[in-house]
Amino acid sequence: MSKMTPFDELSVKLDNEEELFYRYKKGGSNPLILLHGNISSSQNWDVLMNTLSTEFSIYALDMRGFGDSTYNNPIESLKDLSEDLKAFADKLKLKDFYLCGWSLGGNVAMRFTADHPGYVKKLLLLSSGPHKGMPLPKRILGLIKTKQYLSTKEDIAKSLKVLEKIRTKQKRSLLKTILNKKVYTHKKPNMARFVKYENAFMKQQNLVDVTYALSYANMSHEHNGLTEGDGTIDNINVETMIVHGAEDKVVNVEEAKALKDAIGDNAEIKVFDNAGHALVIDELDKLSDLFFELFIET
């Protein structure tokens, strides 16, 4: 691969007193906003930003509480992150843009698209969290209790104590083990890049809050074990592409298929057979081509 292209590193102050950091790559007249996942930041888009067509002008955000963005006001729901995105778009006068979300970023992208019609031209969901949200199952003596979920931030904090210890104590070897087991299951980032991804997680300030919010982020018409869905998945009325790895160990591919059915005729799904959760690493070339086909050629 060619040498990484440097990106502009910028920030914007929102009216809610949060300051969002973002990486910007100037290109053509097609604005594209990228939303990262949990335990990550805009840093995780680096290889994709370097590979995508110059037809795109790319904005890769650190959402509130991630990376180099502030966390002055703790979030209570993913709608808080969605409203930050609207404020960001309004500040930069962005509209009729392409929106792509990976993992947690997919949930925020769905929330934004449903709540703010007229902003998103097309939606791309990479290894997105389910539209029913992602409640954490209870464990008793190490065994998962089916249909029993952690409902409070206190219980979630206890469940995430290993990750919080990694973050606060800089236990990098343990983080690498977890990421390789769950996220980078096929191809691995090179060592220098992996260190940058680790550094992004060490800066994260909202791990418990965002996990709680994701547990209750139910846009379906069903109960997810914690809360009844609000049915807002019906409000996604733009062309949507769902891309998932067949061997994803974070979000099962069956949940991606259920998401496609929930969005309906506006959605298509592509499943990459030899890929896991980190599609940007596992299938970079295919993904880059897909962006061009979806957003430019059509």
C-alpha atoms as a PDB file:
ATOM      1  CA  MET A   1       0.000   0.000   0.000  1.00  0.00           C
ATOM      2  CA  SER A   2       1.167   3.521  -0.741  1.00  0.00           C
ATOM      3  CA  LYS A   3       2.310   5.831   2.010  1.00  0.00           C
ATOM      4  CA  MET A   4      -0.491   7.171   4.157  1.00  0.00           C
ATOM      5  CA  THR A   5      -1.799  10.557   3.075  1.00  0.00           C
ATOM      6  CA  PRO A   6      -1.795  13.134   5.889  1.00  0.00           C
ATOM      7  CA  PHE A   7      -5.186  14.469   6.896  1.00  0.00           C
ATOM      8  CA  ASP A   8      -6.108  17.844   8.304  1.00  0.00           C
ATOM      9  CA  GLU A   9      -6.798  17.558  12.027  1.00  0.00           C
ATOM     10  CA  LEU A  10      -9.468  20.057  12.997  1.00  0.00           C
ATOM     11  CA  SER A  11     -12.111  20.694  15.633  1.00  0.00           C
ATOM     12  CA  VAL A  12     -15.401  22.512  15.914  1.00  0.00           C
ATOM     13  CA  LYS A  13     -17.049  23.975  19.024  1.00  0.00           C
ATOM     14  CA  LEU A  14     -20.731  23.112  19.337  1.00  0.00           C
ATOM     15  CA  ASP A  15     -23.347  25.239  21.061  1.00  0.00           C
ATOM     16  CA  ASN A  16     -23.635  22.589  23.803  1.00  0.00           C
ATOM     17  CA  GLU A  17     -20.019  23.383  24.810  1.00  0.00           C
ATOM     18  CA  GLU A  18     -18.629  20.161  23.394  1.00  0.00           C
ATOM     19  CA  GLU A  19     -15.705  20.364  20.988  1.00  0.00           C
ATOM     20  CA  LEU A  20     -15.584  17.659  18.335  1.00  0.00           C
ATOM     21  CA  PHE A  21     -12.252  16.702  16.821  1.00  0.00           C
ATOM     22  CA  TYR A  22     -12.283  15.441  13.244  1.00  0.00           C
ATOM     23  CA  ARG A  23      -9.955  14.322  10.502  1.00  0.00           C
ATOM     24  CA  TYR A  24     -10.609  15.925   7.131  1.00  0.00           C
ATOM     25  CA  LYS A  25      -9.449  14.945   3.685  1.00  0.00           C
ATOM     26  CA  LYS A  26     -10.340  17.407   0.969  1.00  0.00           C
ATOM     27  CA  GLY A  27     -11.591  15.898  -2.261  1.00  0.00           C
ATOM     28  CA  GLY A  28     -14.436  16.298  -4.706  1.00  0.00           C
ATOM     29  CA  SER A  29     -17.970  17.553  -4.321  1.00  0.00           C
ATOM     30  CA  ASN A  30     -19.285  14.459  -2.512  1.00  0.00           C
ATOM     31  CA  PRO A  31     -19.216  15.008   1.273  1.00  0.00           C
ATOM     32  CA  LEU A  32     -18.835  11.807   3.299  1.00  0.00           C
ATOM     33  CA  ILE A  33     -19.085  11.603   7.097  1.00  0.00           C
ATOM     34  CA  LEU A  34     -17.568   8.601   8.889  1.00  0.00           C
ATOM     35  CA  LEU A  35     -18.634   7.515  12.396  1.00  0.00           C
ATOM     36  CA  HIS A  36     -16.342   5.123  14.263  1.00  0.00           C
ATOM     37  CA  GLY A  37     -17.249   2.307  16.642  1.00  0.00           C
ATOM     38  CA  ASN A  38     -16.811   1.765  20.356  1.00  0.00           C
ATOM     39  CA  ILE A  39     -13.279   1.266  21.744  1.00  0.00           C
ATOM     40  CA  SER A  40     -12.002   3.296  18.795  1.00  0.00           C
ATOM     41  CA  SER A  41     -11.966   6.768  17.245  1.00  0.00           C
ATOM     42  CA  SER A  42     -11.608   8.503  13.890  1.00  0.00           C
ATOM     43  CA  GLN A  43      -8.058   7.107  13.871  1.00  0.00           C
ATOM     44  CA  ASN A  44      -9.546   3.741  12.875  1.00  0.00           C
ATOM     45  CA  TRP A  45     -10.644   5.151   9.507  1.00  0.00           C
ATOM     46  CA  ASP A  46      -7.086   5.994   8.427  1.00  0.00           C
ATOM     47  CA  VAL A  47      -6.570   3.195   5.903  1.00  0.00           C
ATOM     48  CA  LEU A  48      -9.981   3.715   4.329  1.00  0.00           C
ATOM     49  CA  MET A  49      -9.546   7.479   4.045  1.00  0.00           C
ATOM     50  CA  ASN A  50      -6.254   6.876   2.298  1.00  0.00           C
ATOM     51  CA  THR A  51      -7.835   4.431  -0.160  1.00  0.00           C
ATOM     52  CA  LEU A  52     -11.154   6.055  -1.069  1.00  0.00           C
ATOM     53  CA  SER A  53     -11.703   7.877  -4.327  1.00  0.00           C
ATOM     54  CA  THR A  54     -10.709  11.545  -4.450  1.00  0.00           C
ATOM     55  CA  GLU A  55     -14.329  12.179  -5.465  1.00  0.00           C
ATOM     56  CA  PHE A  56     -15.038  12.315  -1.719  1.00  0.00           C
ATOM     57  CA  SER A  57     -14.418  15.088   0.774  1.00  0.00           C
ATOM     58  CA  ILE A  58     -14.191  13.099   3.991  1.00  0.00           C
ATOM     59  CA  TYR A  59     -15.035  14.105   7.566  1.00  0.00           C
ATOM     60  CA  ALA A  60     -14.136  11.461  10.170  1.00  0.00           C
ATOM     61  CA  LEU A  61     -15.375  12.500  13.606  1.00  0.00           C
ATOM     62  CA  ASP A  62     -14.367  11.609  17.112  1.00  0.00           C
ATOM     63  CA  MET A  63     -17.787  11.395  18.725  1.00  0.00           C
ATOM     64  CA  ARG A  64     -18.314  12.970  22.137  1.00  0.00           C
ATOM     65  CA  GLY A  65     -16.173  11.249  24.758  1.00  0.00           C
ATOM     66  CA  PHE A  66     -13.981   9.468  22.200  1.00  0.00           C
ATOM     67  CA  GLY A  67     -10.471  10.253  21.009  1.00  0.00           C
ATOM     68  CA  ASP A  68      -9.651  13.957  21.152  1.00  0.00           C
ATOM     69  CA  SER A  69     -13.229  15.208  21.492  1.00  0.00           C
ATOM     70  CA  THR A  70     -14.460  16.572  24.805  1.00  0.00           C
ATOM     71  CA  TYR A  71     -16.814  14.933  27.264  1.00  0.00           C
ATOM     72  CA  ASN A  72     -18.164  17.824  29.270  1.00  0.00           C
ATOM     73  CA  ASN A  73     -21.739  16.524  29.349  1.00  0.00           C
ATOM     74  CA  PRO A  74     -22.189  12.752  29.874  1.00  0.00           C
ATOM     75  CA  ILE A  75     -24.514  11.107  27.371  1.00  0.00           C
ATOM     76  CA  GLU A  76     -27.705   9.318  28.398  1.00  0.00           C
ATOM     77  CA  SER A  77     -28.686   7.922  24.996  1.00  0.00           C
ATOM     78  CA  LEU A  78     -27.335   7.574  21.480  1.00  0.00           C
ATOM     79  CA  LYS A  79     -29.623  10.441  20.532  1.00  0.00           C
ATOM     80  CA  ASP A  80     -27.122  12.713  22.308  1.00  0.00           C
ATOM     81  CA  LEU A  81     -24.425  11.598  19.835  1.00  0.00           C
ATOM     82  CA  SER A  82     -26.877  11.914  16.953  1.00  0.00           C
ATOM     83  CA  GLU A  83     -27.710  15.491  17.941  1.00  0.00           C
ATOM     84  CA  ASP A  84     -23.977  16.261  18.151  1.00  0.00           C
ATOM     85  CA  LEU A  85     -23.711  15.098  14.548  1.00  0.00           C
ATOM     86  CA  LYS A  86     -26.540  17.409  13.507  1.00  0.00           C
ATOM     87  CA  ALA A  87     -24.857  20.327  15.276  1.00  0.00           C
ATOM     88  CA  PHE A  88     -21.569  19.437  13.560  1.00  0.00           C
ATOM     89  CA  ALA A  89     -23.231  19.275  10.138  1.00  0.00           C
ATOM     90  CA  ASP A  90     -25.000  22.575  10.711  1.00  0.00           C
ATOM     91  CA  LYS A  91     -21.794  24.299  11.836  1.00  0.00           C
ATOM     92  CA  LEU A  92     -19.989  23.149   8.695  1.00  0.00           C
ATOM     93  CA  LYS A  93     -23.073  23.730   6.527  1.00  0.00           C
ATOM     94  CA  LEU A  94     -23.130  20.100   5.399  1.00  0.00           C
ATOM     95  CA  LYS A  95     -26.307  18.679   3.944  1.00  0.00           C
ATOM     96  CA  ASP A  96     -27.219  16.007   1.426  1.00  0.00           C
ATOM     97  CA  PHE A  97     -24.138  14.067   2.501  1.00  0.00           C
ATOM     98  CA  TYR A  98     -23.203  10.399   2.501  1.00  0.00           C
ATOM     99  CA  LEU A  99     -23.080   8.845   5.967  1.00  0.00           C
ATOM    100  CA  CYS A 100     -21.184   5.728   7.006  1.00  0.00           C
ATOM    101  CA  GLY A 101     -21.128   4.178  10.464  1.00  0.00           C
ATOM    102  CA  TRP A 102     -19.090   1.244  11.748  1.00  0.00           C
ATOM    103  CA  SER A 103     -20.381  -0.849  14.667  1.00  0.00           C
ATOM    104  CA  LEU A 104     -21.634   1.646  17.301  1.00  0.00           C
ATOM    105  CA  GLY A 105     -21.281   4.331  14.623  1.00  0.00           C
ATOM    106  CA  GLY A 106     -23.881   2.435  12.615  1.00  0.00           C
ATOM    107  CA  ASN A 107     -26.384   2.784  15.444  1.00  0.00           C
ATOM    108  CA  VAL A 108     -25.700   6.512  15.700  1.00  0.00           C
ATOM    109  CA  ALA A 109     -25.982   6.846  11.912  1.00  0.00           C
ATOM    110  CA  MET A 110     -29.362   5.066  11.930  1.00  0.00           C
ATOM    111  CA  ARG A 111     -30.613   7.287  14.748  1.00  0.00           C
ATOM    112  CA  PHE A 112     -29.489  10.421  12.920  1.00  0.00           C
ATOM    113  CA  THR A 113     -30.987   9.373   9.577  1.00  0.00           C
ATOM    114  CA  ALA A 114     -34.312   8.513  11.196  1.00  0.00           C
ATOM    115  CA  ASP A 115     -34.505  11.750  13.191  1.00  0.00           C
ATOM    116  CA  HIS A 116     -33.236  14.228  10.594  1.00  0.00           C
ATOM    117  CA  PRO A 117     -34.638  13.663   7.111  1.00  0.00           C
ATOM    118  CA  GLY A 118     -33.063  15.720   4.353  1.00  0.00           C
ATOM    119  CA  TYR A 119     -29.488  15.448   5.616  1.00  0.00           C
ATOM    120  CA  VAL A 120     -28.395  11.991   4.481  1.00  0.00           C
ATOM    121  CA  LYS A 121     -28.227  11.203   0.773  1.00  0.00           C
ATOM    122  CA  LYS A 122     -27.253   7.542   1.190  1.00  0.00           C
ATOM    123  CA  LEU A 123     -26.435   5.446   4.241  1.00  0.00           C
ATOM    124  CA  LEU A 124     -23.753   2.778   4.587  1.00  0.00           C
ATOM    125  CA  LEU A 125     -23.699   0.553   7.680  1.00  0.00           C
ATOM    126  CA  LEU A 126     -20.509  -1.454   8.279  1.00  0.00           C
ATOM    127  CA  SER A 127     -20.762  -4.230  10.878  1.00  0.00           C
ATOM    128  CA  SER A 128     -23.458  -2.095  12.465  1.00  0.00           C
ATOM    129  CA  GLY A 129     -24.874  -2.732  15.879  1.00  0.00           C
ATOM    130  CA  PRO A 130     -28.397  -4.198  15.723  1.00  0.00           C
ATOM    131  CA  HIS A 131     -31.402  -1.888  15.371  1.00  0.00           C
ATOM    132  CA  LYS A 132     -32.678  -3.486  18.608  1.00  0.00           C
ATOM    133  CA  GLY A 133     -29.636  -2.254  20.509  1.00  0.00           C
ATOM    134  CA  MET A 134     -27.076  -4.430  22.274  1.00  0.00           C
ATOM    135  CA  PRO A 135     -28.051  -5.248  25.886  1.00  0.00           C
ATOM    136  CA  LEU A 136     -25.303  -6.992  27.829  1.00  0.00           C
ATOM    137  CA  PRO A 137     -26.336 -10.423  29.149  1.00  0.00           C
ATOM    138  CA  LYS A 138     -25.956 -11.201  32.821  1.00  0.00           C
ATOM    139  CA  ARG A 139     -23.363 -13.763  33.790  1.00  0.00           C
ATOM    140  CA  ILE A 140     -23.599 -15.960  36.852  1.00  0.00           C
ATOM    141  CA  LEU A 141     -20.486 -17.955  37.708  1.00  0.00           C
ATOM    142  CA  GLY A 142     -19.183 -17.052  34.269  1.00  0.00           C
ATOM    143  CA  LEU A 143     -22.186 -18.470  32.434  1.00  0.00           C
ATOM    144  CA  ILE A 144     -24.423 -16.274  30.281  1.00  0.00           C
ATOM    145  CA  LYS A 145     -28.030 -16.156  31.486  1.00  0.00           C
ATOM    146  CA  THR A 146     -30.219 -16.036  28.396  1.00  0.00           C
ATOM    147  CA  LYS A 147     -32.794 -13.263  28.235  1.00  0.00           C
ATOM    148  CA  GLN A 148     -31.400 -11.632  31.386  1.00  0.00           C
ATOM    149  CA  TYR A 149     -29.604  -8.336  30.829  1.00  0.00           C
ATOM    150  CA  LEU A 150     -27.659  -5.728  32.767  1.00  0.00           C
ATOM    151  CA  SER A 151     -29.996  -2.784  33.274  1.00  0.00           C
ATOM    152  CA  THR A 152     -28.026  -0.209  35.286  1.00  0.00           C
ATOM    153  CA  LYS A 153     -24.829   1.717  34.728  1.00  0.00           C
ATOM    154  CA  GLU A 154     -23.509   0.294  37.986  1.00  0.00           C
ATOM    155  CA  ASP A 155     -23.902  -3.293  36.779  1.00  0.00           C
ATOM    156  CA  ILE A 156     -22.498  -2.427  33.364  1.00  0.00           C
ATOM    157  CA  ALA A 157     -19.476  -0.790  35.015  1.00  0.00           C
ATOM    158  CA  LYS A 158     -18.807  -4.002  36.934  1.00  0.00           C
ATOM    159  CA  SER A 159     -19.081  -6.002  33.719  1.00  0.00           C
ATOM    160  CA  LEU A 160     -16.626  -3.689  31.952  1.00  0.00           C
ATOM    161  CA  LYS A 161     -14.112  -3.477  34.792  1.00  0.00           C
ATOM    162  CA  VAL A 162     -11.485  -5.350  32.779  1.00  0.00           C
ATOM    163  CA  LEU A 163     -11.715  -2.852  29.915  1.00  0.00           C
ATOM    164  CA  GLU A 164     -11.697   0.088  32.313  1.00  0.00           C
ATOM    165  CA  LYS A 165      -8.604  -1.346  34.019  1.00  0.00           C
ATOM    166  CA  ILE A 166      -6.936  -1.656  30.625  1.00  0.00           C
ATOM    167  CA  ARG A 167      -7.773   1.950  29.837  1.00  0.00           C
ATOM    168  CA  THR A 168      -6.733   3.464  33.171  1.00  0.00           C
ATOM    169  CA  LYS A 169      -3.741   1.209  33.835  1.00  0.00           C
ATOM    170  CA  GLN A 170      -2.523   1.095  30.212  1.00  0.00           C
ATOM    171  CA  LYS A 171      -2.668  -2.720  30.074  1.00  0.00           C
ATOM    172  CA  ARG A 172      -1.921  -2.814  26.350  1.00  0.00           C
ATOM    173  CA  SER A 173      -1.077  -6.493  26.013  1.00  0.00           C
ATOM    174  CA  LEU A 174      -4.487  -7.471  27.396  1.00  0.00           C
ATOM    175  CA  LEU A 175      -6.246  -5.004  25.093  1.00  0.00           C
ATOM    176  CA  LYS A 176      -4.432  -6.471  22.099  1.00  0.00           C
ATOM    177  CA  THR A 177      -5.551  -9.967  23.107  1.00  0.00           C
ATOM    178  CA  ILE A 178      -9.187  -8.875  23.376  1.00  0.00           C
ATOM    179  CA  LEU A 179      -9.173  -6.979  20.080  1.00  0.00           C
ATOM    180  CA  ASN A 180      -7.511  -9.841  18.223  1.00  0.00           C
ATOM    181  CA  LYS A 181     -10.045 -12.298  19.639  1.00  0.00           C
ATOM    182  CA  LYS A 182     -13.138 -10.217  18.838  1.00  0.00           C
ATOM    183  CA  VAL A 183     -12.367  -7.533  16.246  1.00  0.00           C
ATOM    184  CA  TYR A 184      -9.210  -8.291  14.258  1.00  0.00           C
ATOM    185  CA  THR A 185     -10.006 -11.956  13.774  1.00  0.00           C
ATOM    186  CA  HIS A 186      -8.796 -12.254  10.187  1.00  0.00           C
ATOM    187  CA  LYS A 187      -6.257  -9.638   9.119  1.00  0.00           C
ATOM    188  CA  LYS A 188      -4.302  -7.586  11.650  1.00  0.00           C
ATOM    189  CA  PRO A 189      -3.316  -3.911  11.519  1.00  0.00           C
ATOM    190  CA  ASN A 190       0.440  -3.445  11.338  1.00  0.00           C
ATOM    191  CA  MET A 191       2.198  -2.786  14.639  1.00  0.00           C
ATOM    192  CA  ALA A 192       2.458   0.999  14.260  1.00  0.00           C
ATOM    193  CA  ARG A 193      -1.211   1.282  13.354  1.00  0.00           C
ATOM    194  CA  PHE A 194      -2.285  -1.026  16.155  1.00  0.00           C
ATOM    195  CA  VAL A 195      -0.499   1.228  18.658  1.00  0.00           C
ATOM    196  CA  LYS A 196      -2.441   4.213  17.299  1.00  0.00           C
ATOM    197  CA  TYR A 197      -5.696   2.301  17.701  1.00  0.00           C
ATOM    198  CA  GLU A 198      -4.730   1.384  21.258  1.00  0.00           C
ATOM    199  CA  ASN A 199      -3.963   5.030  21.992  1.00  0.00           C
ATOM    200  CA  ALA A 200      -7.444   5.980  20.786  1.00  0.00           C
ATOM    201  CA  PHE A 201      -9.055   3.628  23.291  1.00  0.00           C
ATOM    202  CA  MET A 202      -6.876   4.921  26.122  1.00  0.00           C
ATOM    203  CA  LYS A 203      -8.423   8.364  25.537  1.00  0.00           C
ATOM    204  CA  GLN A 204     -12.040   7.152  25.643  1.00  0.00           C
ATOM    205  CA  GLN A 205     -13.983   8.752  28.503  1.00  0.00           C
ATOM    206  CA  ASN A 206     -17.467   7.335  28.039  1.00  0.00           C
ATOM    207  CA  LEU A 207     -17.152   3.539  28.015  1.00  0.00           C
ATOM    208  CA  VAL A 208     -19.845   2.787  30.592  1.00  0.00           C
ATOM    209  CA  ASP A 209     -22.209   5.538  29.426  1.00  0.00           C
ATOM    210  CA  VAL A 210     -22.051   4.588  25.762  1.00  0.00           C
ATOM    211  CA  THR A 211     -22.473   0.879  26.543  1.00  0.00           C
ATOM    212  CA  TYR A 212     -25.541   1.728  28.614  1.00  0.00           C
ATOM    213  CA  ALA A 213     -26.909   3.899  25.811  1.00  0.00           C
ATOM    214  CA  LEU A 214     -26.343   1.163  23.243  1.00  0.00           C
ATOM    215  CA  SER A 215     -28.186  -1.324  25.467  1.00  0.00           C
ATOM    216  CA  TYR A 216     -31.315   0.823  25.305  1.00  0.00           C
ATOM    217  CA  ALA A 217     -30.970   1.962  21.663  1.00  0.00           C
ATOM    218  CA  ASN A 218     -33.978   0.003  20.441  1.00  0.00           C
ATOM    219  CA  MET A 219     -35.378   1.344  17.151  1.00  0.00           C
ATOM    220  CA  SER A 220     -37.381  -1.818  16.419  1.00  0.00           C
ATOM    221  CA  HIS A 221     -41.013  -2.719  17.030  1.00  0.00           C
ATOM    222  CA  GLU A 222     -40.066  -5.325  19.627  1.00  0.00           C
ATOM    223  CA  HIS A 223     -38.875  -5.512  23.217  1.00  0.00           C
ATOM    224  CA  ASN A 224     -35.121  -6.171  23.427  1.00  0.00           C
ATOM    225  CA  GLY A 225     -35.110  -7.522  26.972  1.00  0.00           C
ATOM    226  CA  LEU A 226     -34.625  -4.094  28.537  1.00  0.00           C
ATOM    227  CA  THR A 227     -36.923  -1.719  26.703  1.00  0.00           C
ATOM    228  CA  GLU A 228     -39.692  -1.605  24.137  1.00  0.00           C
ATOM    229  CA  GLY A 229     -38.647  -0.437  20.688  1.00  0.00           C
ATOM    230  CA  ASP A 230     -39.792   2.971  19.469  1.00  0.00           C
ATOM    231  CA  GLY A 231     -40.316   1.875  15.847  1.00  0.00           C
ATOM    232  CA  THR A 232     -38.165   4.678  14.445  1.00  0.00           C
ATOM    233  CA  ILE A 233     -36.396   2.233  12.142  1.00  0.00           C
ATOM    234  CA  ASP A 234     -39.393   2.927   9.867  1.00  0.00           C
ATOM    235  CA  ASN A 235     -38.150   6.500   9.440  1.00  0.00           C
ATOM    236  CA  ILE A 236     -35.026   5.479   7.525  1.00  0.00           C
ATOM    237  CA  ASN A 237     -36.192   6.291   4.017  1.00  0.00           C
ATOM    238  CA  VAL A 238     -32.902   6.684   2.161  1.00  0.00           C
ATOM    239  CA  GLU A 239     -30.991   4.125   0.125  1.00  0.00           C
ATOM    240  CA  THR A 240     -29.091   1.990   2.635  1.00  0.00           C
ATOM    241  CA  MET A 241     -26.314  -0.531   2.136  1.00  0.00           C
ATOM    242  CA  ILE A 242     -25.591  -2.962   4.985  1.00  0.00           C
ATOM    243  CA  VAL A 243     -22.175  -4.619   4.797  1.00  0.00           C
ATOM    244  CA  HIS A 244     -21.244  -7.375   7.213  1.00  0.00           C
ATOM    245  CA  GLY A 245     -18.626 -10.043   7.729  1.00  0.00           C
ATOM    246  CA  ALA A 246     -19.927 -13.608   7.736  1.00  0.00           C
ATOM    247  CA  GLU A 247     -17.616 -14.400  10.661  1.00  0.00           C
ATOM    248  CA  ASP A 248     -18.253 -11.262  12.742  1.00  0.00           C
ATOM    249  CA  LYS A 249     -17.737 -12.121  16.434  1.00  0.00           C
ATOM    250  CA  VAL A 250     -19.188  -8.862  17.765  1.00  0.00           C
ATOM    251  CA  VAL A 251     -22.476  -8.598  15.823  1.00  0.00           C
ATOM    252  CA  ASN A 252     -23.853 -11.822  14.364  1.00  0.00           C
ATOM    253  CA  VAL A 253     -24.553 -11.727  10.631  1.00  0.00           C
ATOM    254  CA  GLU A 254     -28.130 -12.838  11.332  1.00  0.00           C
ATOM    255  CA  GLU A 255     -28.678  -9.529  13.104  1.00  0.00           C
ATOM    256  CA  ALA A 256     -27.497  -7.710   9.977  1.00  0.00           C
ATOM    257  CA  LYS A 257     -30.041  -9.652   7.927  1.00  0.00           C
ATOM    258  CA  ALA A 258     -32.756  -8.733  10.434  1.00  0.00           C
ATOM    259  CA  LEU A 259     -31.730  -5.079  10.083  1.00  0.00           C
ATOM    260  CA  LYS A 260     -32.089  -5.305   6.319  1.00  0.00           C
ATOM    261  CA  ASP A 261     -35.606  -6.729   6.723  1.00  0.00           C
ATOM    262  CA  ALA A 262     -36.503  -4.003   9.229  1.00  0.00           C
ATOM    263  CA  ILE A 263     -35.456  -1.151   6.909  1.00  0.00           C
ATOM    264  CA  GLY A 264     -37.204  -2.882   4.030  1.00  0.00           C
ATOM    265  CA  ASP A 265     -37.072  -2.017   0.341  1.00  0.00           C
ATOM    266  CA  ASN A 266     -34.632   0.866   0.849  1.00  0.00           C
ATOM    267  CA  ALA A 267     -31.935  -1.532   2.075  1.00  0.00           C
ATOM    268  CA  GLU A 268     -29.544  -3.987   0.461  1.00  0.00           C
ATOM    269  CA  ILE A 269     -27.093  -6.267   2.201  1.00  0.00           C
ATOM    270  CA  LYS A 270     -23.667  -7.541   1.189  1.00  0.00           C
ATOM    271  CA  VAL A 271     -21.951 -10.234   3.249  1.00  0.00           C
ATOM    272  CA  PHE A 272     -18.200 -10.740   2.879  1.00  0.00           C
ATOM    273  CA  ASP A 273     -17.491 -14.423   3.487  1.00  0.00           C
ATOM    274  CA  ASN A 274     -13.938 -14.223   4.793  1.00  0.00           C
ATOM    275  CA  ALA A 275     -14.292 -11.246   7.081  1.00  0.00           C
ATOM    276  CA  GLY A 276     -15.034 -10.426  10.687  1.00  0.00           C
ATOM    277  CA  HIS A 277     -15.963  -7.196  12.466  1.00  0.00           C
ATOM    278  CA  ALA A 278     -13.078  -5.072  11.158  1.00  0.00           C
ATOM    279  CA  LEU A 279     -14.168  -4.813   7.527  1.00  0.00           C
ATOM    280  CA  VAL A 280     -11.852  -1.874   6.869  1.00  0.00           C
ATOM    281  CA  ILE A 281      -8.903  -4.144   7.633  1.00  0.00           C
ATOM    282  CA  ASP A 282     -10.270  -7.451   6.329  1.00  0.00           C
ATOM    283  CA  GLU A 283     -11.689  -6.280   2.988  1.00  0.00           C
ATOM    284  CA  LEU A 284     -10.240  -2.832   2.322  1.00  0.00           C
ATOM    285  CA  ASP A 285     -10.122  -3.026  -1.476  1.00  0.00           C
ATOM    286  CA  LYS A 286     -13.628  -4.465  -1.810  1.00  0.00           C
ATOM    287  CA  LEU A 287     -14.932  -1.844   0.583  1.00  0.00           C
ATOM    288  CA  SER A 288     -13.270   1.005  -1.294  1.00  0.00           C
ATOM    289  CA  ASP A 289     -14.790  -0.221  -4.557  1.00  0.00           C
ATOM    290  CA  LEU A 290     -18.184  -0.508  -2.875  1.00  0.00           C
ATOM    291  CA  PHE A 291     -18.062   3.107  -1.724  1.00  0.00           C
ATOM    292  CA  PHE A 292     -17.430   4.215  -5.279  1.00  0.00           C
ATOM    293  CA  GLU A 293     -20.170   2.009  -6.731  1.00  0.00           C
ATOM    294  CA  LEU A 294     -22.735   3.022  -4.145  1.00  0.00           C
ATOM    295  CA  PHE A 295     -22.020   6.708  -3.794  1.00  0.00           C
ATOM    296  CA  ILE A 296     -20.472   7.834  -7.085  1.00  0.00           C
ATOM    297  CA  GLU A 297     -21.441   5.587  -9.990  1.00  0.00           C
ATOM    298  CA  THR A 298     -25.127   5.639  -9.104  1.00  0.00           C
END
